[in-house]
Amino acid sequence: MNSLKSILAIFMIFAACCIFVSCEGEPKAPAKAKIERATDKTGKEYTSRWICPMHCKGSGSEERGQKCPACEMDLVDNKNHAHHGHNH
């Protein structure tokens, strides 16, 4: 009976140590800039030739091959942009 209590005590100490070590010093995710979606549908986020699929504020370009400055997604052709159920 004593050996069972000893084994249980060792197991509990081991489990407590594992929990303590796994939660300590966990690296924090780097803070990302808040991505703001445009609400003005007349802005360049909606009217440019190349637009961000997420319509991030400040995105949109007349030049091909650009990335969104907010979310870093590739800009897509506004004429061929699939709306997937959302309205512009």
Protein backbone atom coordinates (compact mmCIF):
# COMPACT_ATOMS: atom_id res chain seq x y z
CA MET A 1 0.00 0.00 0.00
CA ASN A 2 2.88 2.34 0.79
CA SER A 3 4.51 1.64 -2.55
CA LEU A 4 1.25 2.53 -4.35
CA LYS A 5 1.09 5.85 -2.47
CA SER A 6 4.74 6.52 -3.33
CA ILE A 7 4.17 5.80 -7.02
CA LEU A 8 1.07 8.00 -7.04
CA ALA A 9 2.95 10.83 -5.28
CA ILE A 10 5.84 10.61 -7.78
CA PHE A 11 3.38 10.63 -10.68
CA MET A 12 1.58 13.71 -9.27
CA ILE A 13 4.88 15.57 -8.81
CA PHE A 14 5.94 14.62 -12.35
CA ALA A 15 2.60 15.80 -13.79
CA ALA A 16 2.79 19.09 -11.87
CA CYS A 17 6.33 19.67 -13.17
CA CYS A 18 5.26 18.96 -16.75
CA ILE A 19 2.39 21.42 -16.51
CA PHE A 20 4.60 24.08 -14.93
CA VAL A 21 7.36 23.71 -17.52
CA SER A 22 5.01 23.64 -20.51
CA CYS A 23 3.28 26.88 -19.47
CA GLU A 24 6.43 28.79 -18.51
CA GLY A 25 8.33 30.86 -21.00
CA GLU A 26 5.98 30.23 -23.89
CA PRO A 27 6.95 32.62 -26.67
CA LYS A 28 4.39 35.27 -27.35
CA ALA A 29 3.16 35.69 -30.90
CA PRO A 30 4.45 38.93 -32.42
CA ALA A 31 1.88 41.67 -32.39
CA LYS A 32 0.52 42.24 -35.87
CA ALA A 33 -0.84 45.49 -37.08
CA LYS A 34 -4.59 45.65 -36.87
CA ILE A 35 -6.07 45.04 -40.30
CA GLU A 36 -8.85 47.47 -40.99
CA ARG A 37 -11.41 46.67 -43.67
CA ALA A 38 -12.70 49.47 -45.82
CA THR A 39 -16.32 50.49 -45.37
CA ASP A 40 -16.40 53.16 -48.08
CA LYS A 41 -17.11 51.19 -51.22
CA THR A 42 -16.01 54.10 -53.41
CA GLY A 43 -12.42 53.96 -52.14
CA LYS A 44 -9.49 52.51 -54.03
CA GLU A 45 -9.95 49.24 -52.09
CA TYR A 46 -12.93 48.59 -54.38
CA THR A 47 -12.35 50.71 -57.47
CA SER A 48 -8.69 50.07 -58.39
CA ARG A 49 -7.68 47.74 -61.21
CA TRP A 50 -5.93 45.47 -58.68
CA ILE A 51 -7.56 45.01 -55.26
CA CYS A 52 -6.98 43.09 -52.05
CA PRO A 53 -9.39 40.13 -51.72
CA MET A 54 -9.95 41.25 -48.11
CA HIS A 55 -10.57 44.90 -49.13
CA CYS A 56 -8.13 46.17 -46.50
CA LYS A 57 -8.12 49.91 -45.99
CA GLY A 58 -5.33 51.55 -47.97
CA SER A 59 -5.01 48.70 -50.48
CA GLY A 60 -5.65 48.83 -54.19
CA SER A 61 -3.31 49.60 -57.06
CA GLU A 62 -3.31 50.29 -60.77
CA GLU A 63 -0.10 48.23 -61.11
CA ARG A 64 0.04 44.46 -61.43
CA GLY A 65 2.10 42.33 -59.02
CA GLN A 66 1.58 44.39 -55.88
CA LYS A 67 0.81 43.16 -52.35
CA CYS A 68 -1.67 44.56 -49.87
CA PRO A 69 0.19 46.82 -47.42
CA ALA A 70 -2.02 45.66 -44.54
CA CYS A 71 -2.38 41.87 -44.89
CA GLU A 72 0.35 41.20 -47.49
CA MET A 73 -1.93 39.16 -49.75
CA ASP A 74 -1.37 39.40 -53.50
CA LEU A 75 -3.69 41.91 -55.12
CA VAL A 76 -6.16 40.33 -57.55
CA ASP A 77 -7.70 41.59 -60.77
CA ASN A 78 -10.80 43.57 -59.82
CA LYS A 79 -12.58 42.55 -63.02
CA ASN A 80 -12.15 38.84 -62.29
CA HIS A 81 -12.55 39.05 -58.50
CA ALA A 82 -14.90 36.30 -57.31
CA HIS A 83 -17.28 37.73 -54.74
CA HIS A 84 -18.12 34.41 -53.05
CA GLY A 85 -21.39 35.64 -51.64
CA HIS A 86 -20.36 39.11 -50.52
CA ASN A 87 -21.73 42.26 -52.09
CA HIS A 88 -19.82 45.32 -53.16
